[in-house]
Amino acid sequence: MKNTDTLWTAITGGTSITLAYLLGGLDNLVAAFAIFMVCDYITGIIAGAKNKQVSSRRALKGLGKKAGMITFVIVANQLDIITGNQNGFLRDAMLTFLIATEGISIVENLGRLGLNVPTFLVKALEQLSDKEGDKQ
């Protein structure tokens, strides 16, 4: 039993450290991005179930998109490292843009579920997305 626990600890610890390094650390932006990704995925599945459009192929495609987003963050972080940008501007801009994109997707999913979405929330996400798009 202890060998399994030690192996599991080594695998999860190694994976966590590697992911933290590749993403440029685990800060509030990364936490918010992870939360938004999970909420988008869950609301997408629920909206798909309501419309009877759930399939393993669509779910896998959604996970592939999430993996692509994480890859964007890794690339932006590595560009910051290569260029000597100590404050992580590219990484933070990419994370902010992706958070806004995920937020808009969550709002769309909630709309598909028939929920009224506050306009101030839609405007704030669109404005955040537009501002980050201008920076890049």
N, C-alpha and C. Protein backbone atom coordinates (compact mmCIF):
# COMPACT_ATOMS: atom_id res chain seq x y z
N MET A 1 0.83 -1.20 0.00
CA MET A 1 0.00 0.00 0.00
C MET A 1 0.87 1.25 0.00
N LYS A 2 1.94 1.27 0.77
CA LYS A 2 2.77 2.47 0.83
C LYS A 2 3.48 2.73 -0.49
N ASN A 3 3.87 1.69 -1.20
CA ASN A 3 4.52 1.89 -2.49
C ASN A 3 3.59 2.60 -3.46
N THR A 4 2.33 2.22 -3.46
CA THR A 4 1.35 2.86 -4.33
C THR A 4 1.16 4.31 -3.94
N ASP A 5 1.07 4.58 -2.63
CA ASP A 5 0.91 5.95 -2.17
C ASP A 5 2.11 6.80 -2.55
N THR A 6 3.31 6.26 -2.42
CA THR A 6 4.51 7.00 -2.75
C THR A 6 4.57 7.27 -4.25
N LEU A 7 4.23 6.29 -5.06
CA LEU A 7 4.22 6.46 -6.51
C LEU A 7 3.19 7.52 -6.91
N TRP A 8 2.00 7.43 -6.34
CA TRP A 8 0.95 8.41 -6.64
C TRP A 8 1.39 9.81 -6.25
N THR A 9 2.01 9.96 -5.09
CA THR A 9 2.50 11.26 -4.63
C THR A 9 3.58 11.79 -5.57
N ALA A 10 4.48 10.94 -6.00
CA ALA A 10 5.54 11.36 -6.91
C ALA A 10 4.97 11.81 -8.25
N ILE A 11 4.00 11.07 -8.76
CA ILE A 11 3.41 11.41 -10.06
C ILE A 11 2.63 12.73 -9.97
N THR A 12 1.78 12.86 -8.97
CA THR A 12 0.99 14.09 -8.86
C THR A 12 1.87 15.29 -8.53
N GLY A 13 2.85 15.09 -7.67
CA GLY A 13 3.75 16.19 -7.33
C GLY A 13 4.59 16.63 -8.52
N GLY A 14 5.12 15.66 -9.25
CA GLY A 14 5.92 15.98 -10.43
C GLY A 14 5.11 16.67 -11.51
N THR A 15 3.90 16.20 -11.70
CA THR A 15 3.01 16.81 -12.69
C THR A 15 2.65 18.23 -12.29
N SER A 16 2.35 18.43 -11.02
CA SER A 16 1.99 19.77 -10.53
C SER A 16 3.14 20.75 -10.68
N ILE A 17 4.33 20.32 -10.31
CA ILE A 17 5.50 21.20 -10.41
C ILE A 17 5.79 21.54 -11.87
N THR A 18 5.72 20.55 -12.74
CA THR A 18 5.97 20.78 -14.16
C THR A 18 4.95 21.74 -14.74
N LEU A 19 3.68 21.53 -14.43
CA LEU A 19 2.63 22.40 -14.93
C LEU A 19 2.79 23.83 -14.39
N ALA A 20 3.13 23.95 -13.11
CA ALA A 20 3.34 25.28 -12.53
C ALA A 20 4.49 26.00 -13.23
N TYR A 21 5.57 25.29 -13.53
CA TYR A 21 6.69 25.91 -14.23
C TYR A 21 6.28 26.34 -15.63
N LEU A 22 5.62 25.44 -16.37
CA LEU A 22 5.25 25.75 -17.75
C LEU A 22 4.27 26.91 -17.84
N LEU A 23 3.37 27.03 -16.86
CA LEU A 23 2.38 28.11 -16.87
C LEU A 23 2.91 29.39 -16.26
N GLY A 24 4.12 29.39 -15.75
CA GLY A 24 4.69 30.61 -15.16
C GLY A 24 4.26 30.83 -13.73
N GLY A 25 3.88 29.76 -13.05
CA GLY A 25 3.47 29.86 -11.65
C GLY A 25 1.97 29.67 -11.51
N LEU A 26 1.56 29.45 -10.28
CA LEU A 26 0.14 29.28 -10.00
C LEU A 26 -0.33 30.49 -9.21
N ASP A 27 -0.85 31.47 -9.91
CA ASP A 27 -1.33 32.69 -9.28
C ASP A 27 -2.83 32.83 -9.50
N ASN A 28 -3.37 34.00 -9.17
CA ASN A 28 -4.82 34.20 -9.29
C ASN A 28 -5.31 34.09 -10.73
N LEU A 29 -4.52 34.53 -11.70
CA LEU A 29 -4.93 34.43 -13.09
C LEU A 29 -5.06 32.98 -13.53
N VAL A 30 -4.10 32.15 -13.16
CA VAL A 30 -4.15 30.73 -13.53
C VAL A 30 -5.33 30.06 -12.83
N ALA A 31 -5.56 30.40 -11.57
CA ALA A 31 -6.69 29.83 -10.83
C ALA A 31 -8.02 30.24 -11.48
N ALA A 32 -8.14 31.52 -11.83
CA ALA A 32 -9.37 31.99 -12.48
C ALA A 32 -9.55 31.31 -13.83
N PHE A 33 -8.47 31.16 -14.57
CA PHE A 33 -8.54 30.50 -15.88
C PHE A 33 -9.02 29.05 -15.72
N ALA A 34 -8.48 28.35 -14.75
CA ALA A 34 -8.88 26.96 -14.51
C ALA A 34 -10.36 26.88 -14.12
N ILE A 35 -10.79 27.78 -13.26
CA ILE A 35 -12.19 27.80 -12.83
C ILE A 35 -13.12 28.09 -14.01
N PHE A 36 -12.74 29.08 -14.83
CA PHE A 36 -13.56 29.42 -15.99
C PHE A 36 -13.63 28.25 -16.98
N MET A 37 -12.50 27.55 -17.18
CA MET A 37 -12.49 26.42 -18.10
C MET A 37 -13.42 25.31 -17.61
N VAL A 38 -13.38 25.01 -16.33
CA VAL A 38 -14.24 23.96 -15.77
C VAL A 38 -15.71 24.38 -15.87
N CYS A 39 -16.00 25.63 -15.51
CA CYS A 39 -17.39 26.11 -15.58
C CYS A 39 -17.90 26.08 -17.02
N ASP A 40 -17.06 26.47 -17.98
CA ASP A 40 -17.47 26.45 -19.38
C ASP A 40 -17.75 25.02 -19.83
N TYR A 41 -16.89 24.11 -19.46
CA TYR A 41 -17.08 22.71 -19.87
C TYR A 41 -18.37 22.13 -19.28
N ILE A 42 -18.59 22.39 -18.00
CA ILE A 42 -19.79 21.86 -17.33
C ILE A 42 -21.05 22.48 -17.91
N THR A 43 -21.06 23.82 -18.07
CA THR A 43 -22.26 24.46 -18.62
C THR A 43 -22.49 24.03 -20.06
N GLY A 44 -21.42 23.77 -20.80
CA GLY A 44 -21.55 23.28 -22.18
C GLY A 44 -22.19 21.91 -22.22
N ILE A 45 -21.79 21.04 -21.31
CA ILE A 45 -22.38 19.70 -21.25
C ILE A 45 -23.85 19.78 -20.84
N ILE A 46 -24.16 20.61 -19.87
CA ILE A 46 -25.55 20.75 -19.42
C ILE A 46 -26.42 21.33 -20.54
N ALA A 47 -25.92 22.37 -21.22
CA ALA A 47 -26.68 22.96 -22.33
C ALA A 47 -26.85 21.94 -23.46
N GLY A 48 -25.81 21.16 -23.73
CA GLY A 48 -25.92 20.13 -24.76
C GLY A 48 -26.93 19.06 -24.38
N ALA A 49 -26.96 18.71 -23.10
CA ALA A 49 -27.92 17.70 -22.64
C ALA A 49 -29.35 18.22 -22.78
N LYS A 50 -29.53 19.49 -22.49
CA LYS A 50 -30.87 20.07 -22.61
C LYS A 50 -31.34 20.03 -24.06
N ASN A 51 -30.43 20.28 -24.98
CA ASN A 51 -30.78 20.30 -26.41
C ASN A 51 -30.58 18.94 -27.07
N LYS A 52 -30.27 17.93 -26.26
CA LYS A 52 -30.04 16.56 -26.75
C LYS A 52 -28.94 16.51 -27.81
N GLN A 53 -27.83 17.21 -27.52
CA GLN A 53 -26.70 17.26 -28.43
C GLN A 53 -25.41 16.78 -27.77
N VAL A 54 -25.50 16.00 -26.71
CA VAL A 54 -24.32 15.52 -26.01
C VAL A 54 -23.77 14.29 -26.74
N SER A 55 -22.47 14.32 -26.99
CA SER A 55 -21.82 13.15 -27.57
C SER A 55 -20.37 13.12 -27.07
N SER A 56 -19.81 11.94 -27.05
CA SER A 56 -18.43 11.81 -26.59
C SER A 56 -17.48 12.52 -27.55
N ARG A 57 -17.81 12.55 -28.82
CA ARG A 57 -16.97 13.24 -29.81
C ARG A 57 -16.92 14.74 -29.53
N ARG A 58 -18.09 15.33 -29.25
CA ARG A 58 -18.14 16.77 -28.95
C ARG A 58 -17.42 17.07 -27.63
N ALA A 59 -17.58 16.20 -26.65
CA ALA A 59 -16.91 16.39 -25.37
C ALA A 59 -15.40 16.32 -25.54
N LEU A 60 -14.93 15.37 -26.33
CA LEU A 60 -13.49 15.24 -26.58
C LEU A 60 -12.96 16.45 -27.34
N LYS A 61 -13.75 16.94 -28.28
CA LYS A 61 -13.36 18.14 -29.03
C LYS A 61 -13.23 19.33 -28.08
N GLY A 62 -14.14 19.45 -27.13
CA GLY A 62 -14.08 20.52 -26.14
C GLY A 62 -12.83 20.42 -25.27
N LEU A 63 -12.49 19.20 -24.87
CA LEU A 63 -11.26 19.00 -24.08
C LEU A 63 -10.03 19.35 -24.91
N GLY A 64 -10.08 19.04 -26.20
CA GLY A 64 -8.97 19.39 -27.08
C GLY A 64 -8.78 20.90 -27.17
N LYS A 65 -9.88 21.62 -27.23
CA LYS A 65 -9.80 23.09 -27.24
C LYS A 65 -9.20 23.61 -25.95
N LYS A 66 -9.59 23.01 -24.83
CA LYS A 66 -9.03 23.43 -23.54
C LYS A 66 -7.52 23.18 -23.50
N ALA A 67 -7.09 22.04 -24.04
CA ALA A 67 -5.66 21.74 -24.10
C ALA A 67 -4.94 22.76 -24.98
N GLY A 68 -5.58 23.16 -26.07
CA GLY A 68 -5.00 24.19 -26.94
C GLY A 68 -4.84 25.52 -26.22
N MET A 69 -5.83 25.87 -25.40
CA MET A 69 -5.75 27.12 -24.63
C MET A 69 -4.58 27.08 -23.64
N ILE A 70 -4.43 25.94 -22.98
CA ILE A 70 -3.31 25.79 -22.05
C ILE A 70 -1.99 25.90 -22.80
N THR A 71 -1.94 25.36 -24.00
CA THR A 71 -0.73 25.46 -24.83
C THR A 71 -0.43 26.91 -25.16
N PHE A 72 -1.45 27.71 -25.45
CA PHE A 72 -1.24 29.14 -25.70
C PHE A 72 -0.58 29.82 -24.51
N VAL A 73 -1.04 29.48 -23.31
CA VAL A 73 -0.46 30.09 -22.10
C VAL A 73 1.00 29.67 -21.94
N ILE A 74 1.29 28.40 -22.19
CA ILE A 74 2.67 27.90 -22.08
C ILE A 74 3.56 28.63 -23.08
N VAL A 75 3.09 28.79 -24.31
CA VAL A 75 3.88 29.49 -25.34
C VAL A 75 4.11 30.94 -24.94
N ALA A 76 3.07 31.61 -24.47
CA ALA A 76 3.22 33.01 -24.05
C ALA A 76 4.21 33.13 -22.90
N ASN A 77 4.16 32.20 -21.95
CA ASN A 77 5.10 32.23 -20.83
C ASN A 77 6.53 32.01 -21.31
N GLN A 78 6.71 31.08 -22.24
CA GLN A 78 8.05 30.83 -22.76
C GLN A 78 8.57 32.02 -23.55
N LEU A 79 7.70 32.72 -24.26
CA LEU A 79 8.10 33.93 -24.96
C LEU A 79 8.55 35.01 -23.98
N ASP A 80 7.85 35.12 -22.85
CA ASP A 80 8.29 36.06 -21.81
C ASP A 80 9.68 35.69 -21.31
N ILE A 81 9.93 34.41 -21.11
CA ILE A 81 11.24 33.96 -20.62
C ILE A 81 12.32 34.25 -21.65
N ILE A 82 12.05 33.92 -22.91
CA ILE A 82 13.03 34.11 -23.98
C ILE A 82 13.38 35.58 -24.16
N THR A 83 12.38 36.44 -24.11
CA THR A 83 12.62 37.87 -24.34
C THR A 83 13.11 38.59 -23.10
N GLY A 84 13.19 37.89 -21.97
CA GLY A 84 13.67 38.51 -20.74
C GLY A 84 12.64 39.40 -20.07
N ASN A 85 11.38 39.22 -20.43
CA ASN A 85 10.31 40.01 -19.85
C ASN A 85 10.02 39.48 -18.45
N GLN A 86 10.50 40.17 -17.44
CA GLN A 86 10.40 39.69 -16.06
C GLN A 86 8.99 39.78 -15.47
N ASN A 87 8.16 40.69 -15.99
CA ASN A 87 6.84 40.87 -15.39
C ASN A 87 5.76 39.98 -16.00
N GLY A 88 6.10 39.16 -17.00
CA GLY A 88 5.15 38.20 -17.56
C GLY A 88 4.00 38.83 -18.32
N PHE A 89 4.27 39.90 -19.05
CA PHE A 89 3.21 40.62 -19.75
C PHE A 89 2.46 39.73 -20.74
N LEU A 90 3.18 39.01 -21.58
CA LEU A 90 2.53 38.18 -22.61
C LEU A 90 1.67 37.09 -21.98
N ARG A 91 2.19 36.45 -20.95
CA ARG A 91 1.44 35.40 -20.24
C ARG A 91 0.17 35.97 -19.64
N ASP A 92 0.29 37.11 -18.95
CA ASP A 92 -0.87 37.71 -18.31
C ASP A 92 -1.90 38.18 -19.33
N ALA A 93 -1.42 38.74 -20.44
CA ALA A 93 -2.34 39.18 -21.50
C ALA A 93 -3.07 37.98 -22.10
N MET A 94 -2.35 36.89 -22.34
CA MET A 94 -2.97 35.69 -22.90
C MET A 94 -3.99 35.12 -21.93
N LEU A 95 -3.63 35.03 -20.64
CA LEU A 95 -4.57 34.50 -19.65
C LEU A 95 -5.82 35.37 -19.56
N THR A 96 -5.65 36.68 -19.57
CA THR A 96 -6.80 37.58 -19.47
C THR A 96 -7.70 37.43 -20.68
N PHE A 97 -7.11 37.35 -21.86
CA PHE A 97 -7.88 37.15 -23.08
C PHE A 97 -8.66 35.83 -23.04
N LEU A 98 -7.99 34.75 -22.62
CA LEU A 98 -8.64 33.44 -22.57
C LEU A 98 -9.73 33.39 -21.50
N ILE A 99 -9.52 34.07 -20.38
CA ILE A 99 -10.55 34.14 -19.34
C ILE A 99 -11.78 34.84 -19.90
N ALA A 100 -11.58 35.94 -20.63
CA ALA A 100 -12.70 36.65 -21.23
C ALA A 100 -13.42 35.76 -22.25
N THR A 101 -12.66 35.04 -23.05
CA THR A 101 -13.26 34.14 -24.04
C THR A 101 -14.08 33.05 -23.37
N GLU A 102 -13.53 32.46 -22.32
CA GLU A 102 -14.27 31.43 -21.58
C GLU A 102 -15.51 32.02 -20.92
N GLY A 103 -15.40 33.23 -20.41
CA GLY A 103 -16.55 33.89 -19.78
C GLY A 103 -17.67 34.11 -20.77
N ILE A 104 -17.32 34.55 -21.98
CA ILE A 104 -18.34 34.75 -23.02
C ILE A 104 -18.99 33.42 -23.36
N SER A 105 -18.21 32.36 -23.43
CA SER A 105 -18.75 31.04 -23.73
C SER A 105 -19.69 30.57 -22.61
N ILE A 106 -19.34 30.84 -21.37
CA ILE A 106 -20.21 30.48 -20.24
C ILE A 106 -21.54 31.22 -20.36
N VAL A 107 -21.47 32.51 -20.67
CA VAL A 107 -22.69 33.31 -20.83
C VAL A 107 -23.55 32.74 -21.96
N GLU A 108 -22.92 32.35 -23.07
CA GLU A 108 -23.67 31.75 -24.18
C GLU A 108 -24.33 30.44 -23.74
N ASN A 109 -23.59 29.63 -23.00
CA ASN A 109 -24.15 28.36 -22.52
C ASN A 109 -25.34 28.59 -21.60
N LEU A 110 -25.21 29.57 -20.71
CA LEU A 110 -26.32 29.87 -19.81
C LEU A 110 -27.52 30.41 -20.57
N GLY A 111 -27.26 31.16 -21.63
CA GLY A 111 -28.34 31.64 -22.49
C GLY A 111 -29.05 30.49 -23.18
N ARG A 112 -28.28 29.48 -23.62
CA ARG A 112 -28.88 28.29 -24.25
C ARG A 112 -29.75 27.53 -23.25
N LEU A 113 -29.44 27.68 -21.97
CA LEU A 113 -30.25 27.02 -20.93
C LEU A 113 -31.50 27.82 -20.59
N GLY A 114 -31.63 29.01 -21.20
CA GLY A 114 -32.81 29.82 -20.97
C GLY A 114 -32.69 30.79 -19.80
N LEU A 115 -31.48 30.95 -19.27
CA LEU A 115 -31.29 31.88 -18.16
C LEU A 115 -31.04 33.28 -18.69
N ASN A 116 -31.59 34.26 -18.00
CA ASN A 116 -31.32 35.65 -18.37
C ASN A 116 -29.94 36.03 -17.86
N VAL A 117 -29.11 36.55 -18.74
CA VAL A 117 -27.76 36.93 -18.39
C VAL A 117 -27.71 38.44 -18.26
N PRO A 118 -27.19 38.96 -17.15
CA PRO A 118 -27.12 40.41 -16.98
C PRO A 118 -26.27 41.05 -18.07
N THR A 119 -26.78 42.13 -18.64
CA THR A 119 -26.06 42.80 -19.74
C THR A 119 -24.73 43.37 -19.28
N PHE A 120 -24.64 43.81 -18.01
CA PHE A 120 -23.36 44.36 -17.54
C PHE A 120 -22.27 43.30 -17.57
N LEU A 121 -22.64 42.05 -17.34
CA LEU A 121 -21.67 40.96 -17.37
C LEU A 121 -21.20 40.70 -18.80
N VAL A 122 -22.13 40.68 -19.73
CA VAL A 122 -21.78 40.48 -21.14
C VAL A 122 -20.87 41.61 -21.62
N LYS A 123 -21.24 42.85 -21.29
CA LYS A 123 -20.45 44.01 -21.72
C LYS A 123 -19.05 43.98 -21.12
N ALA A 124 -18.95 43.61 -19.84
CA ALA A 124 -17.64 43.57 -19.18
C ALA A 124 -16.74 42.52 -19.83
N LEU A 125 -17.28 41.35 -20.14
CA LEU A 125 -16.49 40.30 -20.78
C LEU A 125 -16.08 40.70 -22.20
N GLU A 126 -17.01 41.30 -22.95
CA GLU A 126 -16.68 41.73 -24.30
C GLU A 126 -15.62 42.84 -24.27
N GLN A 127 -15.75 43.76 -23.33
CA GLN A 127 -14.78 44.84 -23.21
C GLN A 127 -13.41 44.30 -22.82
N LEU A 128 -13.37 43.36 -21.92
CA LEU A 128 -12.11 42.74 -21.51
C LEU A 128 -11.47 42.01 -22.69
N SER A 129 -12.28 41.32 -23.45
CA SER A 129 -11.77 40.60 -24.61
C SER A 129 -11.23 41.57 -25.66
N ASP A 130 -11.93 42.67 -25.91
CA ASP A 130 -11.49 43.66 -26.89
C ASP A 130 -10.20 44.34 -26.46
N LYS A 131 -10.11 44.70 -25.18
CA LYS A 131 -8.89 45.37 -24.69
C LYS A 131 -7.68 44.47 -24.81
N GLU A 132 -7.83 43.21 -24.44
CA GLU A 132 -6.70 42.29 -24.51
C GLU A 132 -6.32 42.01 -25.95
N GLY A 133 -7.29 41.99 -26.86
CA GLY A 133 -6.99 41.79 -28.26
C GLY A 133 -6.19 42.94 -28.83
N ASP A 134 -6.44 44.17 -28.33
CA ASP A 134 -5.70 45.34 -28.79
C ASP A 134 -4.26 45.34 -28.31
N LYS A 135 -3.98 44.76 -27.15
CA LYS A 135 -2.63 44.75 -26.59
C LYS A 135 -1.70 43.83 -27.35
N GLN A 136 -2.23 42.80 -27.98
CA GLN A 136 -1.37 41.79 -28.58
C GLN A 136 -0.98 42.15 -29.97
